[in-house]
Protein backbone atom coordinates (compact mmCIF):
# COMPACT_ATOMS: atom_id res chain seq x y z
CA MET A 1 -0.08 -0.04 -0.09
CA ALA A 2 2.54 2.67 -1.16
CA SER A 3 0.00 4.76 -2.99
CA LEU A 4 -2.35 7.48 -1.77
CA TYR A 5 -5.17 9.46 -3.41
CA VAL A 6 -6.33 12.58 -1.48
CA HIS A 7 -9.79 14.12 -2.79
CA VAL A 8 -9.96 18.01 -2.49
CA PRO A 9 -13.66 18.77 -3.37
CA PHE A 10 -13.54 22.45 -3.58
CA CYS A 11 -13.56 24.46 -6.79
CA PRO A 12 -13.83 28.20 -7.88
CA THR A 13 -16.41 27.22 -10.60
CA LEU A 14 -18.40 24.34 -11.44
CA CYS A 15 -17.96 23.38 -14.95
CA PRO A 16 -20.85 22.40 -16.85
CA TYR A 17 -19.46 19.15 -18.02
CA CYS A 18 -18.07 18.07 -14.56
CA ASP A 19 -19.75 15.25 -12.59
CA PHE A 20 -16.99 14.88 -10.08
CA HIS A 21 -17.89 15.43 -6.32
CA VAL A 22 -17.11 19.15 -6.28
CA VAL A 23 -18.43 21.87 -4.08
CA ARG A 24 -17.70 25.64 -3.72
CA ARG A 25 -16.37 27.04 -0.70
CA GLY A 26 -18.75 27.68 2.13
CA PRO A 27 -18.27 29.08 5.70
CA GLY A 28 -16.10 26.96 7.78
CA TRP A 29 -15.97 24.11 5.19
CA VAL A 30 -12.45 24.04 4.34
CA GLU A 31 -11.40 24.25 8.03
CA ALA A 32 -13.94 21.33 8.68
CA TYR A 33 -12.60 19.42 5.81
CA LEU A 34 -8.87 19.76 6.90
CA ARG A 35 -9.68 18.51 10.48
CA ARG A 36 -11.67 15.56 9.28
CA LEU A 37 -8.90 14.74 6.82
CA LYS A 38 -6.31 14.71 9.54
CA GLU A 39 -8.31 12.25 11.56
CA GLU A 40 -9.10 9.96 8.61
CA ALA A 41 -5.34 10.16 7.89
CA GLN A 42 -4.20 9.23 11.27
CA ALA A 43 -6.44 6.21 11.55
CA LEU A 44 -5.46 5.06 7.94
CA HIS A 45 -1.80 5.55 8.59
CA GLU A 46 -1.84 3.44 11.85
CA ARG A 47 -2.98 0.31 9.50
CA PHE A 48 -0.95 1.15 6.37
CA PRO A 49 2.33 2.94 7.60
CA GLU A 50 4.33 2.15 4.69
CA ALA A 51 6.15 5.05 2.90
CA LEU A 52 4.45 6.29 -0.21
CA ARG A 53 5.78 5.83 -3.74
CA THR A 54 3.06 7.89 -5.14
CA LEU A 55 0.78 10.62 -3.79
CA TYR A 56 -1.88 12.18 -5.78
CA LEU A 57 -3.97 15.10 -4.84
CA GLY A 58 -6.99 15.63 -7.15
CA GLY A 59 -10.48 17.13 -6.95
CA GLY A 60 -11.95 19.54 -7.31
CA THR A 61 -9.06 22.07 -7.60
CA PRO A 62 -6.41 21.27 -4.85
CA SER A 63 -4.48 24.46 -5.97
CA TYR A 64 -7.72 26.49 -5.29
CA LEU A 65 -6.77 26.13 -1.41
CA ARG A 66 -5.10 29.10 -0.07
CA ASP A 67 -1.30 28.84 1.03
CA ARG A 68 -2.02 28.21 4.75
CA GLU A 69 -4.68 25.46 3.78
CA LEU A 70 -2.33 23.87 1.49
CA VAL A 71 0.39 23.60 4.31
CA ALA A 72 -2.29 22.20 6.76
CA LEU A 73 -3.26 19.60 4.27
CA PHE A 74 0.27 18.24 3.79
CA GLN A 75 0.89 18.54 7.40
CA SER A 76 -2.22 16.18 7.97
CA LEU A 77 -0.59 13.42 6.05
CA PRO A 78 1.69 11.27 8.35
CA TRP A 79 3.23 9.08 5.70
CA ALA A 80 6.89 9.33 4.82
CA LEU A 81 7.63 9.70 1.13
CA ALA A 82 10.00 6.89 -0.36
CA GLU A 83 13.08 8.26 -2.22
CA GLY A 84 12.03 9.32 -5.71
CA ALA A 85 8.35 9.37 -5.06
CA GLU A 86 6.06 11.07 -7.27
CA VAL A 87 3.82 13.78 -5.71
CA THR A 88 1.10 15.02 -8.13
CA LEU A 89 -1.24 17.91 -7.54
CA GLU A 90 -3.96 18.87 -9.93
CA ALA A 91 -4.14 22.55 -10.61
CA ASN A 92 -6.20 25.19 -12.67
CA PRO A 93 -3.90 27.67 -14.60
CA GLY A 94 -5.39 30.68 -12.76
CA THR A 95 -4.39 29.40 -9.35
CA LEU A 96 -0.68 29.40 -10.02
CA SER A 97 1.99 31.97 -9.61
CA PRO A 98 5.72 31.74 -8.97
CA GLY A 99 5.25 32.14 -5.26
CA ARG A 100 2.57 29.50 -5.26
CA LEU A 101 4.97 27.19 -7.25
CA ARG A 102 7.71 27.71 -4.74
CA LEU A 103 5.40 26.76 -1.92
CA LEU A 104 4.23 23.68 -3.76
CA GLN A 105 7.96 22.53 -4.20
CA ASP A 106 8.69 23.24 -0.55
CA LEU A 107 5.68 20.89 0.23
CA GLY A 108 7.18 18.16 -1.94
CA VAL A 109 5.22 18.44 -4.88
CA ASN A 110 7.14 17.48 -8.06
CA ARG A 111 4.40 16.91 -10.82
CA LEU A 112 1.51 19.18 -11.81
CA SER A 113 -1.49 18.22 -13.77
CA LEU A 114 -2.97 21.32 -15.29
CA GLY A 115 -6.62 21.56 -16.26
CA VAL A 116 -5.78 23.44 -19.47
CA GLN A 117 -8.66 21.62 -21.73
CA SER A 118 -7.99 24.14 -24.59
CA PHE A 119 -5.81 27.05 -25.95
CA GLN A 120 -8.84 28.61 -27.67
CA GLU A 121 -10.99 31.29 -26.30
CA PRO A 122 -14.32 30.04 -27.51
CA VAL A 123 -13.71 26.50 -26.51
CA LEU A 124 -12.66 27.61 -22.91
CA LYS A 125 -15.77 29.88 -22.79
CA PHE A 126 -17.99 26.96 -23.75
CA LEU A 127 -16.34 24.71 -21.11
CA GLY A 128 -16.93 27.31 -18.59
CA ARG A 129 -13.26 27.56 -17.65
CA ALA A 130 -12.03 30.69 -15.46
CA HIS A 131 -8.82 30.92 -17.60
CA GLY A 132 -8.06 32.10 -21.05
CA ARG A 133 -5.26 31.09 -23.61
CA LYS A 134 -2.74 33.45 -22.29
CA GLY A 135 -3.21 32.25 -18.87
CA ALA A 136 -3.05 28.54 -19.73
CA LEU A 137 0.25 29.25 -21.60
CA ARG A 138 1.64 31.37 -18.76
CA ALA A 139 0.92 28.42 -16.18
CA VAL A 140 2.54 25.80 -18.22
CA GLU A 141 5.64 28.11 -19.00
CA MET A 142 5.98 28.92 -15.15
CA ALA A 143 5.65 25.23 -14.05
CA LEU A 144 8.36 24.04 -16.41
CA GLU A 145 10.64 26.82 -15.58
CA ALA A 146 10.11 25.98 -11.90
CA GLY A 147 11.25 22.31 -12.60
CA PHE A 148 8.00 20.57 -12.30
CA ARG A 149 7.01 17.42 -14.28
CA VAL A 150 4.03 18.76 -16.02
CA SER A 151 1.08 16.98 -17.53
CA ILE A 152 -1.91 18.79 -19.30
CA ASP A 153 -5.47 17.80 -19.95
CA LEU A 154 -7.12 18.47 -23.23
CA ILE A 155 -10.65 18.00 -24.21
CA LEU A 156 -11.02 16.98 -27.80
CA GLY A 157 -13.75 16.79 -30.43
CA LEU A 158 -15.79 19.65 -29.63
CA PRO A 159 -17.94 21.25 -32.35
CA MET A 160 -16.35 24.80 -32.30
CA GLN A 161 -12.66 23.51 -31.69
CA ASP A 162 -9.57 23.57 -34.04
CA VAL A 163 -8.56 20.19 -32.84
CA GLU A 164 -5.18 20.39 -34.87
CA ALA A 165 -4.34 23.59 -33.43
CA ASP A 166 -4.82 22.28 -29.92
CA LEU A 167 -2.79 19.34 -30.33
CA LYS A 168 0.05 21.22 -32.21
CA GLU A 169 0.18 23.69 -29.31
CA ALA A 170 0.34 20.80 -26.70
CA ALA A 171 2.93 19.06 -28.74
CA HIS A 172 5.46 21.73 -28.64
CA LEU A 173 5.01 23.21 -25.12
CA GLY A 174 7.91 20.97 -23.69
CA VAL A 175 5.56 19.15 -21.33
CA GLY A 176 6.20 15.39 -20.61
CA HIS A 177 2.62 14.20 -20.47
CA VAL A 178 -0.80 14.87 -22.12
CA SER A 179 -4.08 13.41 -21.12
CA ALA A 180 -6.49 13.77 -24.14
CA TYR A 181 -10.24 12.93 -23.60
CA THR A 182 -13.30 13.54 -25.62
CA LEU A 183 -16.35 15.19 -24.02
CA GLN A 184 -18.56 12.87 -22.06
CA VAL A 185 -21.94 14.10 -21.53
CA GLU A 186 -22.72 12.88 -18.05
CA LYS A 187 -26.08 12.45 -16.59
CA GLY A 188 -27.26 15.49 -14.39
CA THR A 189 -24.61 17.86 -15.65
CA PRO A 190 -25.59 21.37 -17.30
CA PHE A 191 -24.67 19.77 -20.54
CA ALA A 192 -26.80 17.01 -20.21
CA LEU A 193 -29.76 19.15 -19.24
CA LEU A 194 -29.23 21.30 -22.14
CA GLY A 195 -29.49 18.37 -24.42
CA LEU A 196 -25.82 18.52 -25.74
CA LYS A 197 -25.10 15.41 -27.69
CA GLU A 198 -21.51 13.67 -28.37
CA ASP A 199 -20.37 13.05 -31.82
CA PRO A 200 -18.64 9.74 -31.93
CA GLU A 201 -17.23 10.10 -35.48
CA ARG A 202 -15.72 13.33 -34.81
CA GLU A 203 -14.26 12.22 -31.39
CA ALA A 204 -12.73 9.07 -32.98
CA TRP A 205 -11.10 11.15 -35.71
CA ALA A 206 -9.96 13.66 -32.95
CA MET A 207 -8.26 10.70 -31.11
CA GLU A 208 -6.45 9.43 -34.13
CA ARG A 209 -5.07 12.92 -34.71
CA ALA A 210 -3.85 13.18 -31.14
CA GLU A 211 -1.98 9.79 -31.50
CA GLU A 212 -0.41 11.12 -34.83
CA VAL A 213 0.41 14.84 -33.60
CA LEU A 214 1.55 13.76 -30.08
CA GLY A 215 3.40 11.02 -31.16
CA GLU A 216 5.46 13.02 -33.71
CA ALA A 217 6.56 15.13 -31.04
CA GLY A 218 7.66 12.16 -28.85
CA LEU A 219 4.51 11.87 -26.63
CA LEU A 220 3.56 8.24 -27.15
CA ARG A 221 0.20 6.62 -26.44
CA TYR A 222 0.85 4.42 -23.53
CA GLU A 223 -2.69 4.33 -22.50
CA VAL A 224 -6.26 4.90 -24.32
CA SER A 225 -6.20 8.78 -23.26
CA ASN A 226 -2.84 9.48 -22.09
CA PHE A 227 0.43 10.34 -23.95
CA ALA A 228 3.89 10.60 -22.62
CA ARG A 229 7.60 10.95 -23.20
CA GLU A 230 9.71 8.10 -22.31
CA GLY A 231 9.91 7.94 -18.36
CA GLU A 232 7.18 10.51 -18.01
CA GLU A 233 4.24 8.17 -17.62
CA ALA A 234 1.88 8.99 -14.71
CA ARG A 235 3.24 6.37 -12.10
CA HIS A 236 0.27 6.85 -9.67
CA ASN A 237 -2.23 6.30 -12.43
CA LEU A 238 -0.41 3.05 -13.54
CA VAL A 239 -1.33 1.69 -10.27
CA TYR A 240 -5.07 1.91 -11.03
CA TRP A 241 -4.64 0.63 -14.49
CA ARG A 242 -2.55 -2.39 -13.48
CA ASN A 243 -5.33 -2.99 -10.91
CA GLY A 244 -3.16 -2.65 -7.88
CA PHE A 245 -3.96 -1.36 -4.36
CA TRP A 246 -4.19 2.25 -3.12
CA LEU A 247 -5.12 4.10 -0.14
CA ALA A 248 -7.75 7.01 -0.48
CA LEU A 249 -8.87 10.02 1.73
CA GLY A 250 -11.31 12.61 1.53
CA PRO A 251 -15.10 12.93 0.41
CA ALA A 252 -16.29 10.36 -2.22
CA ALA A 253 -12.58 8.99 -2.76
CA THR A 254 -12.36 5.39 -3.44
CA GLY A 255 -9.39 2.97 -2.35
CA GLN A 256 -8.60 -0.43 -3.02
CA TYR A 257 -7.26 -2.66 -0.16
CA PRO A 258 -6.15 -6.13 0.32
CA GLY A 259 -9.32 -8.34 0.77
CA GLU A 260 -10.26 -10.67 3.55
CA ASN A 261 -12.31 -13.90 3.84
CA GLY A 262 -11.58 -15.06 0.58
CA ALA A 263 -11.99 -11.85 -1.23
CA TYR A 264 -9.09 -10.66 -3.37
CA ALA A 265 -9.64 -7.00 -2.66
CA SER A 266 -11.99 -4.71 -0.76
CA ARG A 267 -12.92 -1.34 -2.58
CA ARG A 268 -14.04 1.39 -0.13
CA THR A 269 -15.80 4.62 -1.11
CA ASN A 270 -16.34 7.45 1.12
CA PRO A 271 -19.59 9.35 1.36
CA PRO A 272 -20.03 12.98 0.01
CA LEU A 273 -18.76 15.91 2.04
CA PRO A 274 -21.54 16.57 4.48
CA ARG A 275 -21.83 12.99 5.60
CA TRP A 276 -18.06 12.27 5.48
CA LEU A 277 -17.49 15.39 7.82
CA GLN A 278 -19.99 13.68 10.32
CA GLY A 279 -17.69 10.69 10.29
CA GLU A 280 -19.83 8.28 8.07
CA PRO A 281 -17.95 5.19 7.41
CA PRO A 282 -17.27 4.11 3.76
CA GLN A 283 -19.13 1.85 1.69
CA GLU A 284 -17.37 -1.43 1.28
CA GLU A 285 -17.40 -3.62 -1.70
CA ALA A 286 -15.73 -7.27 -1.72
CA ILE A 287 -13.80 -8.03 -5.06
CA SER A 288 -13.72 -11.77 -5.61
CA PRO A 289 -10.70 -13.45 -7.45
CA LEU A 290 -12.73 -13.70 -10.40
CA GLU A 291 -14.15 -10.02 -10.31
CA HIS A 292 -10.52 -9.02 -10.00
CA ALA A 293 -9.53 -11.05 -12.99
CA LYS A 294 -12.29 -9.48 -14.99
CA GLU A 295 -11.32 -6.04 -14.03
CA SER A 296 -7.59 -6.56 -14.61
CA LEU A 297 -8.47 -7.50 -18.29
CA MET A 298 -10.60 -4.41 -18.65
CA LEU A 299 -7.96 -1.87 -17.05
CA GLY A 300 -4.95 -3.56 -18.42
CA LEU A 301 -5.98 -3.59 -22.22
CA ARG A 302 -6.26 0.14 -21.91
CA LEU A 303 -2.41 0.22 -21.65
CA ARG A 304 -0.20 -0.31 -24.56
CA GLU A 305 1.97 -2.73 -22.30
CA GLY A 306 -1.29 -4.83 -22.21
CA VAL A 307 -2.11 -7.18 -19.30
CA ASP A 308 0.00 -10.23 -18.23
CA VAL A 309 -2.78 -12.94 -17.73
CA GLY A 310 0.06 -15.01 -16.11
CA ALA A 311 0.60 -12.57 -13.38
CA VAL A 312 -3.30 -12.21 -12.75
CA GLU A 313 -3.36 -16.10 -12.41
CA GLU A 314 -0.69 -15.98 -9.90
CA ARG A 315 -2.45 -13.31 -7.85
CA THR A 316 -5.73 -15.07 -7.94
CA GLY A 317 -4.98 -18.64 -8.10
CA LEU A 318 -7.27 -19.00 -11.02
CA VAL A 319 -6.75 -20.84 -14.34
CA LEU A 320 -7.55 -18.07 -16.84
CA PHE A 321 -5.30 -18.37 -20.02
CA PRO A 322 -6.68 -21.60 -21.23
CA LEU A 323 -10.20 -20.19 -21.40
CA LEU A 324 -9.20 -16.78 -23.01
CA GLN A 325 -6.57 -18.32 -25.40
CA GLY A 326 -9.02 -19.22 -28.44
CA ARG A 327 -10.84 -15.96 -28.25
CA ALA A 328 -7.64 -14.17 -27.92
CA GLU A 329 -6.17 -15.63 -31.04
CA GLU A 330 -9.57 -14.87 -33.03
CA LEU A 331 -8.92 -11.10 -31.96
CA ALA A 332 -5.39 -11.21 -33.00
CA GLN A 333 -6.59 -12.51 -36.36
CA GLU A 334 -8.55 -9.50 -36.55
CA GLY A 335 -5.70 -7.29 -35.63
CA LEU A 336 -6.90 -6.20 -32.39
CA LEU A 337 -4.73 -7.99 -30.07
CA GLN A 338 -1.24 -9.46 -30.07
CA VAL A 339 -0.79 -12.48 -27.91
CA ARG A 340 2.81 -13.00 -26.61
CA GLU A 341 2.86 -16.11 -24.36
CA LYS A 342 0.31 -15.21 -21.53
CA ARG A 343 0.51 -11.52 -22.41
CA LEU A 344 -2.32 -9.71 -24.17
CA LEU A 345 -1.45 -6.39 -25.99
CA PRO A 346 -4.00 -4.13 -27.64
CA THR A 347 -2.92 -2.83 -31.10
CA PRO A 348 -3.63 0.64 -32.08
CA LYS A 349 -6.61 -0.53 -34.18
CA ALA A 350 -8.03 -1.88 -30.79
CA PHE A 351 -8.11 1.33 -28.86
CA PRO A 352 -11.42 2.69 -30.36
CA LEU A 353 -13.06 -0.91 -30.11
CA LEU A 354 -11.80 -1.96 -26.56
CA HIS A 355 -15.43 -2.34 -25.31
CA ARG A 356 -16.04 -5.08 -27.99
CA VAL A 357 -12.61 -6.56 -27.28
CA VAL A 358 -13.12 -6.70 -23.49
CA LEU A 359 -16.52 -8.14 -23.74
CA ALA A 360 -15.32 -10.82 -26.13
CA LEU A 361 -12.70 -11.96 -23.42
CA TRP A 362 -15.33 -11.70 -20.65
CA GLU A 363 -17.57 -13.93 -22.64
CA ALA A 364 -14.61 -16.37 -23.07
CA LEU A 365 -14.68 -16.56 -19.13
CA GLY A 366 -18.43 -17.20 -18.94
CA LEU A 367 -18.86 -13.24 -17.95
CA PRO A 368 -20.98 -11.36 -20.14
CA SER A 369 -21.57 -7.94 -18.46
CA LYS A 370 -21.67 -4.12 -19.25
CA LEU A 371 -18.48 -2.37 -18.39
CA PRO A 372 -18.51 -0.73 -15.13
CA CYS A 373 -17.90 2.88 -14.18
CA THR A 374 -14.80 4.14 -12.73
CA PRO A 375 -14.60 4.91 -8.98
CA GLU A 376 -13.81 8.78 -7.88
CA GLY A 377 -10.13 8.95 -7.58
CA ALA A 378 -8.89 6.82 -10.70
CA GLY A 379 -7.95 9.23 -13.23
CA GLU A 380 -5.48 11.76 -14.47
CA GLY A 381 -7.36 14.96 -14.43
CA ARG A 382 -10.70 13.34 -15.55
CA GLU A 383 -11.81 9.94 -13.77
CA GLU A 384 -10.64 7.36 -16.16
CA PRO A 385 -10.76 4.49 -17.10
């Protein structure tokens, strides 16, 4: 248990596409949040005291906290950091300044995930973002000059967007990581209430262009929605995609812990902020060895490295590959998978068709099902996979 996710729910604005657990600041809420977080952290540290190799502060907008609040947040986390630990903080461009960046470095942050979304004024206005093009560029420039590892988020395929321009801008900024998504109109968001529709064909084309444009600049697609220079992959998020274990703190945050009584894992999801402040315990879900295997296929096939079925067999004690082999070879003949001993790797052709690939493999295990949603706290900028 060497990875920790901390959810900071406060945001200066509530974007019309966002369905994360976010709230505006209310009187005394941040202070109450920090007190409760410290209590939760102390209790969790007593059970899992191992030094952290990755720490991810997401939200919400963690950088929206004031200086003294950020200091208090980090002081509330009793874990030591392992040598070379990755410490990521999500930030909006308008919340950064040279002084704020120095404070973050003093607190141990070495990687910033910047919610840029676009470099085009009409797109930013449409998305409800508080920053403009100049603010986005300046934030990236300051973060790189200060020595941070920098990732930026982009949303692609919007009707008024020049996708090529946004991708080329991102490709030549000098950042080490880009998370590129297409707009998902989530139920209950303002965009959904307005009847906004997704455009699958335009979105598929946008992701193809992302792979080409970013790839030419050395940012390779190592996960369905994530592109990185060699060595700049998001180490914390790889824990999720490899279906490992991680700790979680804060309202609505989800952690995955070793299971008990025959379960492979226990997934624990905290309640929303008001109930979390009152000390309501998390909801727990027991993950069986077979369910873990199923999820490992779904998550692992999002990665260019694929999923090592043999390693999943060792973790769970299940015999899986003989059931999967025939279907995997059929998918390989379609050009959707590569089969290397017991490792299954998606081809570039498979990325837009992963839903079909995963369901075919699940059916081979006797497990037809729909793909589940991802718990809060499992993504880079946006909650993916």
